[in-house]
C-alpha cells in the first residue's frame, strides 16, 4: 500500500495516540516535544473552496445585429509556502476561488431588428489543490551546495540560541516517538553518500547520560529507520516499544551511515557534539569513520563540537504523572 505525505502525517499521529492509550500511565501524562525550541513545525496546506458560478448575461435588445456576448471562467491557485530558518510556526497557506463574469452586450436599437440572444452562464471556478507542505524553522542542507550530512556518528544538540542542552529530559517519563526533518538530495548525492558512508541513510535515537566531562553512557536506543522513503519530509516515528527515561538524561541522534538532517550556517549560538575523539573533528577521514554509539552500557567521549549547525530531530516525551 502506498501512502502520500498527508496520509503519513495522519497515520503516525494516530499510531502515537494508540501507543499512549495502550499504556494507562501514558494516557494521563504530560506531553512534551524535547528539542523543539526553534525547530518549527510542518503542516499540509488545505484545499481551497470551489469558485462561485458566473452570472447569466443579459438579453440584448432588438436590432438588426443584436446578439449576446459572454465571458466566464474559473481561476484557481493553491499551494504551500515554505520558509526557511529559525521561525517557530508552520502551516499550509492556500487560496482557491473562481472568478467569473458572464453577460450579454446590448446592441443599438434598429427599426425592425430581432431580439438578441441571452448571454450564457459563466463557468464554475475550480477548487485549488494541495501542492506542497509548509515548513518553518531550519532546513537541512542538500540538494543545494554545499550538501552536508550527518555521517557515521551519534550526535546531540548542545545549544540553540539562548537554550543550552535543548535535548535534555526535563522530567521522568517515557519517550513514545521521535521526529526527524530530512532534505531531498539528488540521485547523484544519494549514490555518493551510500557509497562512501557505509550504505543507505538510516538513523535512530539514543538515550545517553553524562558520566563525567564530555563522557556519556548509552542507556537505551530505538530501532534504526531506513530514511530514504522520507526524504524531503518531516517524519515522525512512533515507538512500538517505548523508552523509559530519567530527568537529566539526553536524547541523541544515532546515524550509523548518513542522514540528510543537518542545517548549516545558523550562527555561533547553534552547535552540536559528536561521539568522535578529540583532534579528529575536522578530518574528512574521521567523518567517514564509524564512531556511532550503539553498544548498550558503553561510554564514549563527545569531544567534537560543531558550531553554526543543527541536527534536525526531536523526541516526544510523556512525563510520569
Protein backbone atom coordinates (compact mmCIF):
# COMPACT_ATOMS: atom_id res chain seq x y z
CA UNK A 1 0.00 0.00 0.00
CA UNK A 2 1.33 3.45 -0.94
CA UNK A 3 0.79 6.41 1.41
CA UNK A 4 1.04 10.02 0.29
CA UNK A 5 2.52 12.69 2.56
CA UNK A 6 -0.77 13.75 4.17
CA UNK A 7 -1.71 10.12 4.86
CA UNK A 8 1.68 9.52 6.52
CA UNK A 9 1.30 12.55 8.78
CA UNK A 10 -2.18 11.45 9.88
CA UNK A 11 -1.10 7.81 10.30
CA UNK A 12 1.86 8.46 12.60
CA UNK A 13 -0.28 10.77 14.72
CA UNK A 14 -2.93 8.08 15.09
CA UNK A 15 -0.32 5.45 15.96
CA UNK A 16 1.20 7.73 18.61
CA UNK A 17 -2.22 8.18 20.21
CA UNK A 18 -2.85 4.41 20.14
CA UNK A 19 0.51 3.75 21.83
CA UNK A 20 -0.30 6.28 24.55
CA UNK A 21 -3.79 4.91 25.16
CA UNK A 22 -2.50 1.34 25.31
CA UNK A 23 -0.42 2.24 28.38
CA UNK A 24 -2.65 3.84 31.06
CA UNK A 25 0.21 5.76 32.66
CA UNK A 26 0.99 7.44 29.33
CA UNK A 27 -2.61 8.44 28.67
CA UNK A 28 -2.62 10.63 31.79
CA UNK A 29 0.91 12.07 31.45
CA UNK A 30 2.07 15.45 30.14
CA UNK A 31 3.19 15.55 26.50
CA UNK A 32 6.45 17.41 25.75
CA UNK A 33 8.35 17.69 22.46
CA UNK A 34 12.00 17.67 23.52
CA UNK A 35 14.31 19.70 21.29
CA UNK A 36 11.53 21.66 19.64
CA UNK A 37 12.94 25.10 20.51
CA UNK A 38 13.36 26.95 17.23
CA UNK A 39 12.58 23.74 15.33
CA UNK A 40 9.32 24.98 13.82
CA UNK A 41 6.55 22.78 12.55
CA UNK A 42 5.24 21.43 9.28
CA UNK A 43 1.65 21.31 8.11
CA UNK A 44 -0.06 20.24 4.95
CA UNK A 45 -1.87 23.02 3.15
CA UNK A 46 -5.63 22.77 2.89
CA UNK A 47 -7.72 22.54 -0.29
CA UNK A 48 -9.24 25.87 -1.32
CA UNK A 49 -13.02 26.37 -1.72
CA UNK A 50 -14.79 25.99 -5.07
CA UNK A 51 -15.28 29.22 -7.02
CA UNK A 52 -18.73 30.75 -7.49
CA UNK A 53 -20.74 30.28 -10.66
CA UNK A 54 -20.69 33.18 -13.12
CA UNK A 55 -23.86 35.24 -13.61
CA UNK A 56 -26.08 34.91 -16.65
CA UNK A 57 -25.61 37.53 -19.36
CA UNK A 58 -28.45 39.96 -20.03
CA UNK A 59 -30.65 39.77 -23.11
CA UNK A 60 -29.63 42.04 -25.99
CA UNK A 61 -32.28 44.45 -27.21
CA UNK A 62 -33.76 44.29 -30.68
CA UNK A 63 -31.51 45.35 -33.51
CA UNK A 64 -30.59 44.17 -36.94
CA UNK A 65 -27.45 42.68 -35.49
CA UNK A 66 -28.27 42.18 -31.81
CA UNK A 67 -26.62 39.27 -30.03
CA UNK A 68 -25.36 38.32 -26.57
CA UNK A 69 -21.65 38.08 -25.77
CA UNK A 70 -20.41 36.03 -22.84
CA UNK A 71 -17.29 35.55 -20.78
CA UNK A 72 -16.98 33.14 -17.86
CA UNK A 73 -14.12 31.21 -16.40
CA UNK A 74 -12.75 30.00 -13.01
CA UNK A 75 -9.30 30.81 -11.71
CA UNK A 76 -7.64 28.51 -9.26
CA UNK A 77 -4.48 28.56 -7.09
CA UNK A 78 -3.40 26.53 -4.09
CA UNK A 79 -0.01 25.78 -2.77
CA UNK A 80 2.00 25.60 0.49
CA UNK A 81 4.61 28.23 1.08
CA UNK A 82 7.97 27.14 2.50
CA UNK A 83 10.01 29.45 4.67
CA UNK A 84 13.50 28.90 5.97
CA UNK A 85 15.40 29.20 9.13
CA UNK A 86 14.57 29.97 12.70
CA UNK A 87 10.81 30.63 12.84
CA UNK A 88 8.61 28.59 15.14
CA UNK A 89 5.33 28.20 13.32
CA UNK A 90 4.34 26.46 10.14
CA UNK A 91 1.10 26.00 8.27
CA UNK A 92 -0.15 25.45 4.77
CA UNK A 93 -1.38 28.56 3.00
CA UNK A 94 -3.99 28.12 0.28
CA UNK A 95 -6.36 30.11 -1.83
CA UNK A 96 -8.87 28.77 -4.20
CA UNK A 97 -11.77 30.67 -5.72
CA UNK A 98 -13.50 31.08 -9.00
CA UNK A 99 -13.68 34.49 -10.63
CA UNK A 100 -16.42 34.70 -13.26
CA UNK A 101 -18.19 37.19 -15.44
CA UNK A 102 -20.83 36.47 -17.97
CA UNK A 103 -23.10 39.00 -19.66
CA UNK A 104 -24.60 39.89 -22.96
CA UNK A 105 -23.69 43.19 -24.56
CA UNK A 106 -26.57 45.40 -25.78
CA UNK A 107 -26.60 46.41 -29.45
CA UNK A 108 -28.10 49.64 -30.68
CA UNK A 109 -31.80 49.59 -31.42
CA UNK A 110 -32.79 49.24 -35.10
CA UNK A 111 -36.12 49.83 -36.61
CA UNK A 112 -37.13 46.21 -37.08
CA UNK A 113 -34.26 44.23 -35.59
CA UNK A 114 -34.86 40.88 -33.86
CA UNK A 115 -34.18 40.35 -30.15
CA UNK A 116 -30.58 39.39 -29.32
CA UNK A 117 -29.95 36.04 -27.59
CA UNK A 118 -29.26 35.70 -23.88
CA UNK A 119 -25.61 35.56 -22.79
CA UNK A 120 -24.55 32.16 -21.41
CA UNK A 121 -23.66 31.40 -17.81
CA UNK A 122 -20.02 31.80 -16.77
CA UNK A 123 -18.27 28.56 -15.78
CA UNK A 124 -17.63 27.48 -12.18
CA UNK A 125 -14.18 28.25 -10.75
CA UNK A 126 -12.29 25.06 -9.85
CA UNK A 127 -11.07 24.02 -6.40
CA UNK A 128 -7.43 24.75 -5.61
CA UNK A 129 -5.33 21.70 -4.81
CA UNK A 130 -2.66 20.89 -2.25
CA UNK A 131 0.74 21.38 -3.86
CA UNK A 132 3.28 21.25 -1.01
CA UNK A 133 3.87 21.08 2.73
CA UNK A 134 4.69 24.24 4.63
CA UNK A 135 7.72 24.09 6.92
CA UNK A 136 9.04 26.77 9.22
CA UNK A 137 12.29 26.57 11.11
CA UNK A 138 15.76 25.46 9.97
CA UNK A 139 16.01 23.32 6.83
CA UNK A 140 18.51 20.58 6.15
CA UNK A 141 21.29 21.16 3.62
CA UNK A 142 21.08 19.44 0.20
CA UNK A 143 20.47 19.36 -2.65
CA UNK A 144 21.96 22.88 -2.75
CA UNK A 145 25.73 23.21 -2.34
CA UNK A 146 27.36 22.64 0.00
CA UNK A 147 25.48 19.38 0.58
CA UNK A 148 26.46 18.40 4.12
CA UNK A 149 25.00 15.48 6.07
CA UNK A 150 25.41 13.73 9.43
CA UNK A 151 27.61 10.69 8.97
CA UNK A 152 28.66 7.61 10.96
CA UNK A 153 28.33 9.05 14.45
CA UNK A 154 25.99 9.74 17.35
CA UNK A 155 25.30 13.43 17.82
CA UNK A 156 23.46 15.61 20.30
CA UNK A 157 22.43 19.22 20.01
CA UNK A 158 24.07 21.23 22.80
CA UNK A 159 22.91 24.77 22.06
CA UNK A 160 20.15 26.54 20.14
CA UNK A 161 20.21 30.31 20.57
CA UNK A 162 19.97 31.05 24.29
CA UNK A 163 18.94 27.48 25.14
CA UNK A 164 21.68 25.14 26.37
CA UNK A 165 21.28 21.37 26.11
CA UNK A 166 17.84 21.52 24.43
CA UNK A 167 17.61 17.71 24.20
CA UNK A 168 17.84 17.19 27.97
CA UNK A 169 14.99 15.18 29.54
CA UNK A 170 13.15 17.72 31.77
CA UNK A 171 11.36 15.16 33.97
CA UNK A 172 10.95 11.40 34.40
CA UNK A 173 8.75 9.78 31.80
CA UNK A 174 8.64 7.78 28.60
CA UNK A 175 9.74 8.51 25.04
CA UNK A 176 6.92 7.42 22.72
CA UNK A 177 8.09 8.79 19.34
CA UNK A 178 10.82 10.74 17.61
CA UNK A 179 10.86 13.13 14.65
CA UNK A 180 13.45 13.98 12.01
CA UNK A 181 13.46 16.65 9.28
CA UNK A 182 15.10 15.45 6.07
CA UNK A 183 16.17 17.23 2.93
CA UNK A 184 15.74 15.85 -0.60
CA UNK A 185 19.20 15.08 -2.05
CA UNK A 186 19.63 14.43 -5.76
CA UNK A 187 20.07 10.91 -7.10
CA UNK A 188 23.78 11.62 -7.57
CA UNK A 189 24.18 12.85 -3.99
CA UNK A 190 22.35 9.80 -2.63
CA UNK A 191 24.59 7.46 -4.63
CA UNK A 192 27.71 9.29 -3.40
CA UNK A 193 26.80 9.06 0.30
CA UNK A 194 25.56 5.47 0.00
CA UNK A 195 28.92 4.55 -1.49
CA UNK A 196 31.14 6.49 0.92
CA UNK A 197 29.27 6.39 4.25
CA UNK A 198 28.53 2.72 4.69
CA UNK A 199 25.20 2.27 2.92
CA UNK A 200 21.69 3.71 2.65
CA UNK A 201 20.62 6.51 5.01
CA UNK A 202 19.36 5.35 8.40
CA UNK A 203 19.01 6.74 11.92
CA UNK A 204 17.52 6.22 15.35
CA UNK A 205 17.57 7.94 18.72
CA UNK A 206 19.82 7.16 21.67
CA UNK A 207 19.29 7.96 25.34
CA UNK A 208 22.60 8.90 26.95
CA UNK A 209 23.66 10.19 30.36
CA UNK A 210 26.71 12.16 31.35
CA UNK A 211 29.24 10.33 33.49
CA UNK A 212 31.96 12.99 33.64
CA UNK A 213 33.09 15.87 31.47
CA UNK A 214 32.29 15.04 27.85
CA UNK A 215 31.82 11.31 28.53
CA UNK A 216 28.34 9.87 28.03
CA UNK A 217 26.98 6.39 28.63
CA UNK A 218 24.42 4.76 26.33
CA UNK A 219 21.30 3.96 28.39
CA UNK A 220 18.85 2.92 25.67
CA UNK A 221 18.23 3.25 21.95
CA UNK A 222 15.44 2.94 19.41
CA UNK A 223 15.42 0.66 16.34
CA UNK A 224 17.07 2.17 13.27
CA UNK A 225 14.84 3.52 10.49
CA UNK A 226 15.62 3.48 6.77
CA UNK A 227 15.27 7.15 5.85
CA UNK A 228 15.21 7.37 2.06
CA UNK A 229 11.40 6.87 1.74
CA UNK A 230 11.01 10.03 3.85
CA UNK A 231 13.48 12.32 2.06
CA UNK A 232 12.04 15.81 1.69
CA UNK A 233 9.71 15.39 4.67
CA UNK A 234 9.49 15.93 8.40
CA UNK A 235 8.80 12.36 9.53
CA UNK A 236 7.69 11.12 12.94
CA UNK A 237 8.24 7.54 14.07
CA UNK A 238 6.15 6.18 16.99
CA UNK A 239 7.98 3.58 19.08
CA UNK A 240 6.39 0.13 19.27
CA UNK A 241 8.44 -0.33 22.45
CA UNK A 242 8.55 2.94 24.38
CA UNK A 243 11.70 4.03 26.23
CA UNK A 244 11.62 4.93 29.96
CA UNK A 245 13.83 7.94 30.70
CA UNK A 246 15.04 9.86 33.73
CA UNK A 247 15.36 13.59 34.30
CA UNK A 248 18.77 14.84 33.18
CA UNK A 249 19.40 12.21 30.53
CA UNK A 250 19.76 13.39 26.93
CA UNK A 251 18.31 12.37 23.60
CA UNK A 252 20.92 11.94 20.87
CA UNK A 253 20.65 11.02 17.19
CA UNK A 254 22.48 7.88 16.09
CA UNK A 255 23.44 7.72 12.40
CA UNK A 256 25.46 4.59 11.55
CA UNK A 257 25.59 5.55 7.86
CA UNK A 258 24.35 9.01 6.86
CA UNK A 259 21.31 11.25 7.16
CA UNK A 260 20.40 14.49 5.34
CA UNK A 261 19.23 16.07 8.61
CA UNK A 262 21.83 18.79 9.16
CA UNK A 263 21.07 22.51 8.96
CA UNK A 264 24.14 24.69 8.42
CA UNK A 265 25.17 28.36 8.51
CA UNK A 266 22.95 29.15 11.51
CA UNK A 267 25.29 31.35 13.58
CA UNK A 268 27.62 30.83 16.52
CA UNK A 269 24.80 30.35 19.03
CA UNK A 270 23.89 26.99 17.48
CA UNK A 271 26.10 23.91 17.98
CA UNK A 272 26.13 20.12 18.37
CA UNK A 273 28.57 17.49 19.59
CA UNK A 274 29.55 14.15 18.03
CA UNK A 275 30.85 10.96 19.64
CA UNK A 276 34.23 11.39 17.99
CA UNK A 277 37.65 11.54 19.62
CA UNK A 278 39.50 14.81 20.15
CA UNK A 279 41.83 16.12 17.43
CA UNK A 280 39.80 14.42 14.70
CA UNK A 281 36.85 16.78 14.47
CA UNK A 282 37.73 18.42 11.15
CA UNK A 283 39.21 15.36 9.49
CA UNK A 284 37.41 14.21 6.34
CA UNK A 285 38.65 10.69 7.11
CA UNK A 286 37.07 10.80 10.56
CA UNK A 287 33.76 11.90 9.08
CA UNK A 288 33.70 8.59 7.22
CA UNK A 289 34.92 6.54 10.19
CA UNK A 290 32.34 4.64 12.23
CA UNK A 291 32.02 6.31 15.66
CA UNK A 292 28.30 5.92 16.39
CA UNK A 293 27.46 4.79 19.92
CA UNK A 294 25.39 1.61 19.60
CA UNK A 295 26.65 -0.73 22.35
CA UNK A 296 24.39 -0.68 25.42
CA UNK A 297 26.22 0.49 28.53
CA UNK A 298 29.22 1.80 26.56
CA UNK A 299 30.76 5.17 27.35
CA UNK A 300 32.16 7.47 24.68
CA UNK A 301 33.66 10.94 24.65
CA UNK A 302 31.69 13.56 22.70
CA UNK A 303 34.79 15.60 22.03
CA UNK A 304 33.91 17.23 18.70
CA UNK A 305 31.93 20.46 18.76
CA UNK A 306 30.40 21.73 15.51
CA UNK A 307 29.18 25.31 15.56
CA UNK A 308 26.69 27.08 13.27
CA UNK A 309 24.90 23.77 12.60
CA UNK A 310 21.91 21.89 13.95
CA UNK A 311 20.79 18.27 13.98
CA UNK A 312 17.13 18.33 12.95
CA UNK A 313 15.43 15.89 15.32
CA UNK A 314 13.13 15.94 18.33
CA UNK A 315 11.62 13.36 20.72
CA UNK A 316 8.14 13.08 22.19
CA UNK A 317 8.12 12.65 25.99
CA UNK A 318 5.14 11.63 28.09
CA UNK A 319 6.07 12.53 31.64
CA UNK A 320 5.17 10.25 34.55
CA UNK A 321 2.00 11.52 36.32
